[in-house]
């Protein structure tokens, strides 16, 4: 799961970089408006890439799911205030 998300992130960011560089290296020679439009599209891609990279998959462990180690889970529950130590 992690490799797929990382690959998608780098593809999106590579596309963003390609749009930005191409907009100001050769698209601006034909149309400045098109270059600005490419930059606006490139501006939207990084937040989308971050959401894709941080998306939780169906098999991923979430931060508050039990890990299976009872001692560790009790310790984290105590820190989170879910369970008191003297119980």
Protein backbone atom coordinates (compact mmCIF):
# COMPACT_ATOMS: atom_id res chain seq x y z
CA UNK A 1 0.00 0.00 0.00
CA UNK A 2 2.73 2.44 0.95
CA UNK A 3 4.64 1.92 -2.32
CA UNK A 4 1.53 2.59 -4.39
CA UNK A 5 0.75 5.82 -2.53
CA UNK A 6 4.37 6.94 -2.78
CA UNK A 7 4.43 6.22 -6.52
CA UNK A 8 1.19 8.16 -7.04
CA UNK A 9 2.59 11.08 -5.02
CA UNK A 10 5.77 11.26 -7.07
CA UNK A 11 3.85 10.98 -10.35
CA UNK A 12 1.56 13.85 -9.34
CA UNK A 13 4.45 16.00 -8.17
CA UNK A 14 6.43 15.17 -11.31
CA UNK A 15 3.44 16.24 -13.39
CA UNK A 16 3.23 19.44 -11.39
CA UNK A 17 6.89 20.18 -11.99
CA UNK A 18 6.53 19.36 -15.71
CA UNK A 19 3.57 21.73 -16.06
CA UNK A 20 5.33 24.56 -14.28
CA UNK A 21 8.60 24.21 -16.18
CA UNK A 22 6.95 23.75 -19.55
CA UNK A 23 4.63 26.70 -18.95
CA UNK A 24 7.48 29.16 -18.56
CA UNK A 25 10.04 27.58 -20.86
CA UNK A 26 8.08 27.17 -24.11
CA UNK A 27 4.30 27.59 -23.68
CA UNK A 28 4.73 31.28 -22.86
CA UNK A 29 6.23 31.78 -26.31
CA UNK A 30 2.82 31.03 -27.86
CA UNK A 31 0.45 32.24 -25.15
CA UNK A 32 1.06 33.84 -21.78
CA UNK A 33 -2.55 33.13 -20.78
CA UNK A 34 -2.03 29.41 -21.41
CA UNK A 35 1.18 29.51 -19.36
CA UNK A 36 -0.67 31.14 -16.46
CA UNK A 37 -3.44 28.53 -16.78
CA UNK A 38 -0.84 25.75 -16.62
CA UNK A 39 0.61 27.32 -13.48
CA UNK A 40 -2.85 27.49 -11.89
CA UNK A 41 -3.37 23.80 -12.63
CA UNK A 42 0.11 23.06 -11.25
CA UNK A 43 -0.77 25.03 -8.11
CA UNK A 44 -3.72 22.71 -7.38
CA UNK A 45 -1.75 19.48 -7.73
CA UNK A 46 0.45 19.55 -4.55
CA UNK A 47 -2.46 19.53 -2.06
CA UNK A 48 -4.12 16.73 -4.04
CA UNK A 49 -0.83 14.81 -4.05
CA UNK A 50 -0.55 15.21 -0.27
CA UNK A 51 -4.09 13.88 0.19
CA UNK A 52 -3.35 10.91 -2.06
CA UNK A 53 -0.09 10.15 -0.23
CA UNK A 54 -1.71 10.33 3.22
CA UNK A 55 -4.89 8.46 2.38
CA UNK A 56 -5.59 5.50 4.63
CA UNK A 57 -5.99 2.22 2.83
CA UNK A 58 -8.39 -0.52 3.95
CA UNK A 59 -5.49 -2.61 5.33
CA UNK A 60 -3.58 0.26 6.95
CA UNK A 61 -3.46 0.53 10.71
CA UNK A 62 -4.93 3.76 11.97
CA UNK A 63 -3.34 5.71 14.81
CA UNK A 64 -5.80 4.61 17.48
CA UNK A 65 -6.27 0.98 16.44
CA UNK A 66 -4.88 -1.59 18.87
CA UNK A 67 -1.48 -2.89 17.84
CA UNK A 68 -1.88 -6.36 19.35
CA UNK A 69 0.79 -5.78 22.00
CA UNK A 70 -1.27 -5.63 25.19
CA UNK A 71 1.38 -3.82 27.24
CA UNK A 72 1.86 -1.15 24.57
CA UNK A 73 -1.89 -0.74 24.06
CA UNK A 74 -2.44 -0.31 27.81
CA UNK A 75 0.33 2.27 27.94
CA UNK A 76 -1.11 4.29 25.05
CA UNK A 77 -4.64 4.04 26.47
CA UNK A 78 -3.33 5.40 29.77
CA UNK A 79 -1.63 8.31 28.00
CA UNK A 80 -4.78 9.05 25.99
CA UNK A 81 -6.87 9.01 29.16
CA UNK A 82 -9.01 6.10 27.99
CA UNK A 83 -8.13 3.83 30.88
CA UNK A 84 -6.68 4.50 34.29
CA UNK A 85 -3.67 2.58 35.53
CA UNK A 86 -5.24 1.52 38.84
CA UNK A 87 -8.20 -0.22 37.21
